[in-house]
Amino acid sequence: MNTKYHAEVIRDLERFYAVLNGIKEQVGGERRLLECNGRMGWPRRGVYFFFEPGENRNSGAGLRVVRVGTHAVSAGSCSTLWGRLRIHRGVSGGGGNHRASIFRLYVGTALLAKGDYPDRVRLSWGRSVAKEVRQEVTRTEDGLERAVSQYIGKMPFLWLKADDEPGPASMRKYIERNAVALLSTASRLGIDPPSEGWLGWSCSHEKVRDSGLWNVDHVFEEYDPGFLDLLERLAGGNV
């Protein structure tokens, strides 16, 4: 192991979590999607960071981030931060649509692996559905969609305002890409690993299991430490 690189990653993780702790103080604590609605003063655009109960850091105190996400990374996109979070949350009645949320999809595959669900749900989950049978399929999947909503809905999360023009070169994408690369099993050094009981071990996607995150994009990339400068600057004006 490169001792110098190990020390640099630890340093950068400390900076990253210090920023998140500052955001937590600014906004009065984490929120949980089960308790959220669109009237809670969300910024138009931003990046979000989910934690998971029982997933503790070993590089410092507190929970580790298990999912980083954003939106409006295609030119001309009109999506909003709350709009994206609402899709992850699901509908107010408890269900949802995993075909519109990769986060819901991955959590659902893990719950499927550990739960007692009908075979027809195992066969349809994550697959395209013909229009003529869509209503029937979504009805059979409703129990799992509700379980996903409950699981994700209880996860604490924070958000960072990052409101520049939509597109792949946006600040949001830069932060998301590099935060994921940094956090992915802490740059593959075994720092802040998932707990033995982490649900993600049962996810069908290998990259979730390899990274310790509910992410698959950017998990094997190198991170640019310069993203932390931007993170700190934006956090100063987060509210």
C-alpha atoms as a PDB file:
ATOM      1  CA  MET A   1       0.000   0.000   0.000  1.00  0.00           C
ATOM      2  CA  ASN A   2       1.198   3.503  -0.860  1.00  0.00           C
ATOM      3  CA  THR A   3       1.335   5.125   2.583  1.00  0.00           C
ATOM      4  CA  LYS A   4       1.418   8.649   1.150  1.00  0.00           C
ATOM      5  CA  TYR A   5      -1.661   8.006  -0.995  1.00  0.00           C
ATOM      6  CA  HIS A   6      -3.460   6.450   1.995  1.00  0.00           C
ATOM      7  CA  ALA A   7      -2.780   9.587   4.044  1.00  0.00           C
ATOM      8  CA  GLU A   8      -4.010  11.812   1.215  1.00  0.00           C
ATOM      9  CA  VAL A   9      -7.280   9.913   0.952  1.00  0.00           C
ATOM     10  CA  ILE A  10      -7.822  10.127   4.707  1.00  0.00           C
ATOM     11  CA  ARG A  11      -7.155  13.878   4.537  1.00  0.00           C
ATOM     12  CA  ASP A  12      -9.584  14.338   1.666  1.00  0.00           C
ATOM     13  CA  LEU A  13     -12.254  12.267   3.405  1.00  0.00           C
ATOM     14  CA  GLU A  14     -11.877  14.442   6.482  1.00  0.00           C
ATOM     15  CA  ARG A  15     -12.359  17.570   4.346  1.00  0.00           C
ATOM     16  CA  PHE A  16     -15.360  16.037   2.599  1.00  0.00           C
ATOM     17  CA  TYR A  17     -17.157  15.084   5.797  1.00  0.00           C
ATOM     18  CA  ALA A  18     -16.255  18.394   7.445  1.00  0.00           C
ATOM     19  CA  VAL A  19     -18.112  20.154   4.622  1.00  0.00           C
ATOM     20  CA  LEU A  20     -21.126  17.897   5.080  1.00  0.00           C
ATOM     21  CA  ASN A  21     -21.111  18.542   8.820  1.00  0.00           C
ATOM     22  CA  GLY A  22     -21.116  22.258   8.074  1.00  0.00           C
ATOM     23  CA  ILE A  23     -24.091  21.841   5.736  1.00  0.00           C
ATOM     24  CA  LYS A  24     -25.857  19.817   8.423  1.00  0.00           C
ATOM     25  CA  GLU A  25     -25.501  22.705  10.861  1.00  0.00           C
ATOM     26  CA  GLN A  26     -26.684  25.234   8.263  1.00  0.00           C
ATOM     27  CA  VAL A  27     -29.894  23.402   7.387  1.00  0.00           C
ATOM     28  CA  GLY A  28     -30.732  22.199  10.903  1.00  0.00           C
ATOM     29  CA  GLY A  29     -29.888  18.525  10.421  1.00  0.00           C
ATOM     30  CA  GLU A  30     -30.442  15.800   7.879  1.00  0.00           C
ATOM     31  CA  ARG A  31     -33.838  15.146   6.379  1.00  0.00           C
ATOM     32  CA  ARG A  32     -35.561  11.857   5.573  1.00  0.00           C
ATOM     33  CA  LEU A  33     -37.608  11.443   2.438  1.00  0.00           C
ATOM     34  CA  LEU A  34     -40.555   9.921   4.302  1.00  0.00           C
ATOM     35  CA  GLU A  35     -40.960  13.311   5.983  1.00  0.00           C
ATOM     36  CA  CYS A  36     -40.299  15.509   2.933  1.00  0.00           C
ATOM     37  CA  ASN A  37     -42.461  17.406   0.490  1.00  0.00           C
ATOM     38  CA  GLY A  38     -41.965  20.057  -2.165  1.00  0.00           C
ATOM     39  CA  ARG A  39     -42.734  22.969   0.168  1.00  0.00           C
ATOM     40  CA  MET A  40     -39.553  22.706   2.224  1.00  0.00           C
ATOM     41  CA  GLY A  41     -37.432  25.364   0.555  1.00  0.00           C
ATOM     42  CA  TRP A  42     -35.334  23.207  -1.752  1.00  0.00           C
ATOM     43  CA  PRO A  43     -32.863  24.936  -4.062  1.00  0.00           C
ATOM     44  CA  ARG A  44     -33.698  24.606  -7.742  1.00  0.00           C
ATOM     45  CA  ARG A  45     -30.642  22.499  -8.527  1.00  0.00           C
ATOM     46  CA  GLY A  46     -28.133  20.629  -6.380  1.00  0.00           C
ATOM     47  CA  VAL A  47     -26.334  17.480  -5.295  1.00  0.00           C
ATOM     48  CA  TYR A  48     -27.577  15.114  -2.593  1.00  0.00           C
ATOM     49  CA  PHE A  49     -25.779  12.785  -0.197  1.00  0.00           C
ATOM     50  CA  PHE A  50     -27.524   9.837   1.481  1.00  0.00           C
ATOM     51  CA  PHE A  51     -26.340   8.144   4.652  1.00  0.00           C
ATOM     52  CA  GLU A  52     -27.566   4.802   5.960  1.00  0.00           C
ATOM     53  CA  PRO A  53     -28.308   3.775   9.562  1.00  0.00           C
ATOM     54  CA  GLY A  54     -25.734   1.269  10.778  1.00  0.00           C
ATOM     55  CA  GLU A  55     -23.167   2.263   8.141  1.00  0.00           C
ATOM     56  CA  ASN A  56     -20.479   3.924  10.234  1.00  0.00           C
ATOM     57  CA  ARG A  57     -17.177   5.420   9.161  1.00  0.00           C
ATOM     58  CA  ASN A  58     -13.891   4.077  10.468  1.00  0.00           C
ATOM     59  CA  SER A  59     -11.994   7.165   9.271  1.00  0.00           C
ATOM     60  CA  GLY A  60     -13.911   9.409  11.674  1.00  0.00           C
ATOM     61  CA  ALA A  61     -17.128   9.790  13.611  1.00  0.00           C
ATOM     62  CA  GLY A  62     -20.588   9.407  12.143  1.00  0.00           C
ATOM     63  CA  LEU A  63     -22.313   7.627   9.297  1.00  0.00           C
ATOM     64  CA  ARG A  64     -20.691   7.167   5.906  1.00  0.00           C
ATOM     65  CA  VAL A  65     -22.254   8.446   2.683  1.00  0.00           C
ATOM     66  CA  VAL A  66     -23.728   5.542   0.709  1.00  0.00           C
ATOM     67  CA  ARG A  67     -25.254   7.357  -2.269  1.00  0.00           C
ATOM     68  CA  VAL A  68     -24.336  10.525  -4.160  1.00  0.00           C
ATOM     69  CA  GLY A  69     -26.657  11.855  -6.820  1.00  0.00           C
ATOM     70  CA  THR A  70     -27.648  14.863  -8.847  1.00  0.00           C
ATOM     71  CA  HIS A  71     -29.826  15.863 -11.802  1.00  0.00           C
ATOM     72  CA  ALA A  72     -29.961  18.246 -14.792  1.00  0.00           C
ATOM     73  CA  VAL A  73     -26.740  16.976 -16.322  1.00  0.00           C
ATOM     74  CA  SER A  74     -28.086  16.951 -19.870  1.00  0.00           C
ATOM     75  CA  ALA A  75     -28.207  20.147 -21.899  1.00  0.00           C
ATOM     76  CA  GLY A  76     -31.651  21.736 -21.693  1.00  0.00           C
ATOM     77  CA  SER A  77     -32.823  19.619 -18.758  1.00  0.00           C
ATOM     78  CA  CYS A  78     -35.608  21.185 -16.684  1.00  0.00           C
ATOM     79  CA  SER A  79     -35.396  18.757 -13.774  1.00  0.00           C
ATOM     80  CA  THR A  80     -35.182  20.102 -10.225  1.00  0.00           C
ATOM     81  CA  LEU A  81     -33.539  18.824  -7.070  1.00  0.00           C
ATOM     82  CA  TRP A  82     -36.851  18.150  -5.362  1.00  0.00           C
ATOM     83  CA  GLY A  83     -38.219  16.537  -8.502  1.00  0.00           C
ATOM     84  CA  ARG A  84     -35.371  14.039  -8.454  1.00  0.00           C
ATOM     85  CA  LEU A  85     -35.662  13.382  -4.730  1.00  0.00           C
ATOM     86  CA  ARG A  86     -39.422  12.915  -5.071  1.00  0.00           C
ATOM     87  CA  ILE A  87     -38.894  10.151  -7.629  1.00  0.00           C
ATOM     88  CA  HIS A  88     -36.514   8.383  -5.231  1.00  0.00           C
ATOM     89  CA  ARG A  89     -39.027   8.850  -2.398  1.00  0.00           C
ATOM     90  CA  GLY A  90     -41.937   7.379  -4.333  1.00  0.00           C
ATOM     91  CA  VAL A  91     -45.559   8.419  -4.110  1.00  0.00           C
ATOM     92  CA  SER A  92     -47.096   9.682  -0.893  1.00  0.00           C
ATOM     93  CA  GLY A  93     -49.150   6.488  -0.545  1.00  0.00           C
ATOM     94  CA  GLY A  94     -45.963   4.426  -0.216  1.00  0.00           C
ATOM     95  CA  GLY A  95     -45.369   2.970  -3.664  1.00  0.00           C
ATOM     96  CA  GLY A  96     -43.130   4.272  -6.410  1.00  0.00           C
ATOM     97  CA  ASN A  97     -41.567   3.655  -9.807  1.00  0.00           C
ATOM     98  CA  HIS A  98     -38.176   1.961  -9.818  1.00  0.00           C
ATOM     99  CA  ARG A  99     -38.006   2.307 -13.596  1.00  0.00           C
ATOM    100  CA  ALA A 100     -37.595   6.055 -13.120  1.00  0.00           C
ATOM    101  CA  SER A 101     -35.023   5.772 -10.294  1.00  0.00           C
ATOM    102  CA  ILE A 102     -31.851   3.723 -10.517  1.00  0.00           C
ATOM    103  CA  PHE A 103     -31.502   4.161  -6.742  1.00  0.00           C
ATOM    104  CA  ARG A 104     -34.874   2.447  -6.202  1.00  0.00           C
ATOM    105  CA  LEU A 105     -33.934  -0.247  -8.714  1.00  0.00           C
ATOM    106  CA  TYR A 106     -30.729  -1.213  -6.900  1.00  0.00           C
ATOM    107  CA  VAL A 107     -32.287  -1.203  -3.436  1.00  0.00           C
ATOM    108  CA  GLY A 108     -35.138  -3.286  -4.818  1.00  0.00           C
ATOM    109  CA  THR A 109     -32.828  -5.994  -6.173  1.00  0.00           C
ATOM    110  CA  ALA A 110     -31.209  -6.270  -2.731  1.00  0.00           C
ATOM    111  CA  LEU A 111     -34.574  -6.518  -0.974  1.00  0.00           C
ATOM    112  CA  LEU A 112     -35.645  -9.124  -3.532  1.00  0.00           C
ATOM    113  CA  ALA A 113     -32.599 -11.235  -2.735  1.00  0.00           C
ATOM    114  CA  LYS A 114     -33.369 -11.179   0.980  1.00  0.00           C
ATOM    115  CA  GLY A 115     -37.172 -11.230   0.938  1.00  0.00           C
ATOM    116  CA  ASP A 116     -40.068 -13.481   0.045  1.00  0.00           C
ATOM    117  CA  TYR A 117     -41.528 -12.052  -3.148  1.00  0.00           C
ATOM    118  CA  PRO A 118     -43.468 -13.754  -5.958  1.00  0.00           C
ATOM    119  CA  ASP A 119     -41.455 -15.127  -8.850  1.00  0.00           C
ATOM    120  CA  ARG A 120     -43.307 -12.841 -11.255  1.00  0.00           C
ATOM    121  CA  VAL A 121     -41.864  -9.831  -9.397  1.00  0.00           C
ATOM    122  CA  ARG A 122     -38.363 -11.283  -9.659  1.00  0.00           C
ATOM    123  CA  LEU A 123     -38.873 -11.706 -13.397  1.00  0.00           C
ATOM    124  CA  SER A 124     -40.251  -8.216 -14.039  1.00  0.00           C
ATOM    125  CA  TRP A 125     -38.201  -6.037 -11.682  1.00  0.00           C
ATOM    126  CA  GLY A 126     -35.959  -3.687 -13.642  1.00  0.00           C
ATOM    127  CA  ARG A 127     -37.205  -4.859 -17.021  1.00  0.00           C
ATOM    128  CA  SER A 128     -39.147  -2.963 -19.662  1.00  0.00           C
ATOM    129  CA  VAL A 129     -42.846  -3.723 -19.682  1.00  0.00           C
ATOM    130  CA  ALA A 130     -45.206  -3.676 -22.652  1.00  0.00           C
ATOM    131  CA  LYS A 131     -47.927  -1.049 -22.415  1.00  0.00           C
ATOM    132  CA  GLU A 132     -50.757  -3.565 -22.507  1.00  0.00           C
ATOM    133  CA  VAL A 133     -49.554  -5.384 -19.347  1.00  0.00           C
ATOM    134  CA  ARG A 134     -47.985  -2.438 -17.529  1.00  0.00           C
ATOM    135  CA  GLN A 135     -50.861  -1.904 -15.105  1.00  0.00           C
ATOM    136  CA  GLU A 136     -50.930  -5.545 -14.070  1.00  0.00           C
ATOM    137  CA  VAL A 137     -47.156  -5.719 -13.639  1.00  0.00           C
ATOM    138  CA  THR A 138     -46.936  -2.554 -11.558  1.00  0.00           C
ATOM    139  CA  ARG A 139     -49.742  -3.857  -9.359  1.00  0.00           C
ATOM    140  CA  THR A 140     -47.823  -7.066  -8.622  1.00  0.00           C
ATOM    141  CA  GLU A 141     -44.659  -5.051  -7.924  1.00  0.00           C
ATOM    142  CA  ASP A 142     -46.404  -2.701  -5.501  1.00  0.00           C
ATOM    143  CA  GLY A 143     -45.367  -4.585  -2.358  1.00  0.00           C
ATOM    144  CA  LEU A 144     -41.692  -4.352  -3.261  1.00  0.00           C
ATOM    145  CA  GLU A 145     -42.028  -0.715  -4.349  1.00  0.00           C
ATOM    146  CA  ARG A 146     -43.493   0.055  -0.915  1.00  0.00           C
ATOM    147  CA  ALA A 147     -40.623  -1.738   0.811  1.00  0.00           C
ATOM    148  CA  VAL A 148     -38.138   0.292  -1.247  1.00  0.00           C
ATOM    149  CA  SER A 149     -39.917   3.519  -0.316  1.00  0.00           C
ATOM    150  CA  GLN A 150     -39.727   2.618   3.349  1.00  0.00           C
ATOM    151  CA  TYR A 151     -36.048   1.712   3.147  1.00  0.00           C
ATOM    152  CA  ILE A 152     -34.907   4.766   1.227  1.00  0.00           C
ATOM    153  CA  GLY A 153     -37.335   7.011   3.067  1.00  0.00           C
ATOM    154  CA  LYS A 154     -35.637   6.358   6.395  1.00  0.00           C
ATOM    155  CA  MET A 155     -32.133   7.150   5.149  1.00  0.00           C
ATOM    156  CA  PRO A 156     -30.816  10.540   6.367  1.00  0.00           C
ATOM    157  CA  PHE A 157     -29.602  12.842   3.621  1.00  0.00           C
ATOM    158  CA  LEU A 158     -28.109  16.278   3.030  1.00  0.00           C
ATOM    159  CA  TRP A 159     -28.091  18.448  -0.062  1.00  0.00           C
ATOM    160  CA  LEU A 160     -25.866  21.103  -1.580  1.00  0.00           C
ATOM    161  CA  LYS A 161     -27.102  23.949  -3.768  1.00  0.00           C
ATOM    162  CA  ALA A 162     -25.245  23.907  -7.099  1.00  0.00           C
ATOM    163  CA  ASP A 163     -27.265  25.894  -9.600  1.00  0.00           C
ATOM    164  CA  ASP A 164     -25.436  26.418 -12.864  1.00  0.00           C
ATOM    165  CA  GLU A 165     -26.668  25.626 -16.363  1.00  0.00           C
ATOM    166  CA  PRO A 166     -27.742  22.035 -17.072  1.00  0.00           C
ATOM    167  CA  GLY A 167     -25.224  19.936 -18.944  1.00  0.00           C
ATOM    168  CA  PRO A 168     -22.509  17.301 -18.548  1.00  0.00           C
ATOM    169  CA  ALA A 169     -19.958  20.003 -17.622  1.00  0.00           C
ATOM    170  CA  SER A 170     -22.071  21.356 -14.758  1.00  0.00           C
ATOM    171  CA  MET A 171     -20.737  21.810 -11.240  1.00  0.00           C
ATOM    172  CA  ARG A 172     -23.228  19.174 -10.105  1.00  0.00           C
ATOM    173  CA  LYS A 173     -21.774  16.498 -12.338  1.00  0.00           C
ATOM    174  CA  TYR A 174     -18.212  17.416 -11.388  1.00  0.00           C
ATOM    175  CA  ILE A 175     -19.034  17.097  -7.691  1.00  0.00           C
ATOM    176  CA  GLU A 176     -21.022  13.900  -8.095  1.00  0.00           C
ATOM    177  CA  ARG A 177     -18.346  12.193 -10.199  1.00  0.00           C
ATOM    178  CA  ASN A 178     -15.480  13.028  -7.864  1.00  0.00           C
ATOM    179  CA  ALA A 179     -17.369  12.425  -4.622  1.00  0.00           C
ATOM    180  CA  VAL A 180     -18.313   8.947  -5.829  1.00  0.00           C
ATOM    181  CA  ALA A 181     -14.729   8.244  -6.883  1.00  0.00           C
ATOM    182  CA  LEU A 182     -13.420   9.379  -3.492  1.00  0.00           C
ATOM    183  CA  LEU A 183     -15.997   7.439  -1.471  1.00  0.00           C
ATOM    184  CA  SER A 184     -15.913   4.222  -3.489  1.00  0.00           C
ATOM    185  CA  THR A 185     -14.549   1.956  -0.752  1.00  0.00           C
ATOM    186  CA  ALA A 186     -12.520   5.070   0.020  1.00  0.00           C
ATOM    187  CA  SER A 187     -10.627   4.972  -3.258  1.00  0.00           C
ATOM    188  CA  ARG A 188     -10.297   1.195  -2.977  1.00  0.00           C
ATOM    189  CA  LEU A 189      -8.112   1.295   0.133  1.00  0.00           C
ATOM    190  CA  GLY A 190     -10.624  -0.389   2.428  1.00  0.00           C
ATOM    191  CA  ILE A 191     -11.272   2.814   4.359  1.00  0.00           C
ATOM    192  CA  ASP A 192     -14.885   3.233   5.545  1.00  0.00           C
ATOM    193  CA  PRO A 193     -15.967  -0.187   4.254  1.00  0.00           C
ATOM    194  CA  PRO A 194     -19.583  -1.362   4.332  1.00  0.00           C
ATOM    195  CA  SER A 195     -20.704  -3.204   7.434  1.00  0.00           C
ATOM    196  CA  GLU A 196     -21.189  -6.972   7.275  1.00  0.00           C
ATOM    197  CA  GLY A 197     -24.941  -6.427   7.424  1.00  0.00           C
ATOM    198  CA  TRP A 198     -25.141  -3.777   4.706  1.00  0.00           C
ATOM    199  CA  LEU A 199     -28.102  -4.417   2.413  1.00  0.00           C
ATOM    200  CA  GLY A 200     -26.001  -3.512  -0.622  1.00  0.00           C
ATOM    201  CA  TRP A 201     -24.108  -6.811  -0.373  1.00  0.00           C
ATOM    202  CA  SER A 202     -27.303  -8.398  -1.732  1.00  0.00           C
ATOM    203  CA  CYS A 203     -27.655  -6.000  -4.663  1.00  0.00           C
ATOM    204  CA  SER A 204     -27.608  -7.648  -8.079  1.00  0.00           C
ATOM    205  CA  HIS A 205     -25.190  -5.069  -9.495  1.00  0.00           C
ATOM    206  CA  GLU A 206     -21.550  -5.998  -8.899  1.00  0.00           C
ATOM    207  CA  LYS A 207     -20.400  -2.378  -8.835  1.00  0.00           C
ATOM    208  CA  VAL A 208     -22.650  -1.623  -5.855  1.00  0.00           C
ATOM    209  CA  ARG A 209     -21.063  -4.500  -3.957  1.00  0.00           C
ATOM    210  CA  ASP A 210     -17.553  -3.518  -5.059  1.00  0.00           C
ATOM    211  CA  SER A 211     -17.918   0.179  -4.231  1.00  0.00           C
ATOM    212  CA  GLY A 212     -19.884   0.051  -1.004  1.00  0.00           C
ATOM    213  CA  LEU A 213     -22.194   2.655  -2.544  1.00  0.00           C
ATOM    214  CA  TRP A 214     -25.620   2.653  -4.150  1.00  0.00           C
ATOM    215  CA  ASN A 215     -23.823   4.028  -7.223  1.00  0.00           C
ATOM    216  CA  VAL A 216     -22.279   2.345 -10.245  1.00  0.00           C
ATOM    217  CA  ASP A 217     -21.032   5.240 -12.386  1.00  0.00           C
ATOM    218  CA  HIS A 218     -17.533   6.587 -11.559  1.00  0.00           C
ATOM    219  CA  VAL A 219     -16.853   4.002  -8.832  1.00  0.00           C
ATOM    220  CA  PHE A 220     -13.564   2.877 -10.441  1.00  0.00           C
ATOM    221  CA  GLU A 221     -12.364   6.319 -11.468  1.00  0.00           C
ATOM    222  CA  GLU A 222      -9.679   8.437  -9.846  1.00  0.00           C
ATOM    223  CA  TYR A 223     -10.912  11.557  -8.105  1.00  0.00           C
ATOM    224  CA  ASP A 224      -9.716  15.124  -8.527  1.00  0.00           C
ATOM    225  CA  PRO A 225      -9.014  16.584  -5.063  1.00  0.00           C
ATOM    226  CA  GLY A 226      -9.839  20.014  -6.490  1.00  0.00           C
ATOM    227  CA  PHE A 227     -13.532  19.191  -6.265  1.00  0.00           C
ATOM    228  CA  LEU A 228     -13.280  19.707  -2.518  1.00  0.00           C
ATOM    229  CA  ASP A 229     -12.423  23.386  -3.064  1.00  0.00           C
ATOM    230  CA  LEU A 230     -15.645  23.811  -5.042  1.00  0.00           C
ATOM    231  CA  LEU A 231     -17.583  21.817  -2.463  1.00  0.00           C
ATOM    232  CA  GLU A 232     -16.371  24.090   0.312  1.00  0.00           C
ATOM    233  CA  ARG A 233     -17.115  27.239  -1.658  1.00  0.00           C
ATOM    234  CA  LEU A 234     -20.656  26.198  -2.533  1.00  0.00           C
ATOM    235  CA  ALA A 235     -21.360  25.018   1.004  1.00  0.00           C
ATOM    236  CA  GLY A 236     -20.640  28.527   2.229  1.00  0.00           C
ATOM    237  CA  GLY A 237     -23.743  29.740   0.410  1.00  0.00           C
ATOM    238  CA  ASN A 238     -25.932  26.676   0.806  1.00  0.00           C
ATOM    239  CA  VAL A 239     -28.815  28.451   2.564  1.00  0.00           C
END
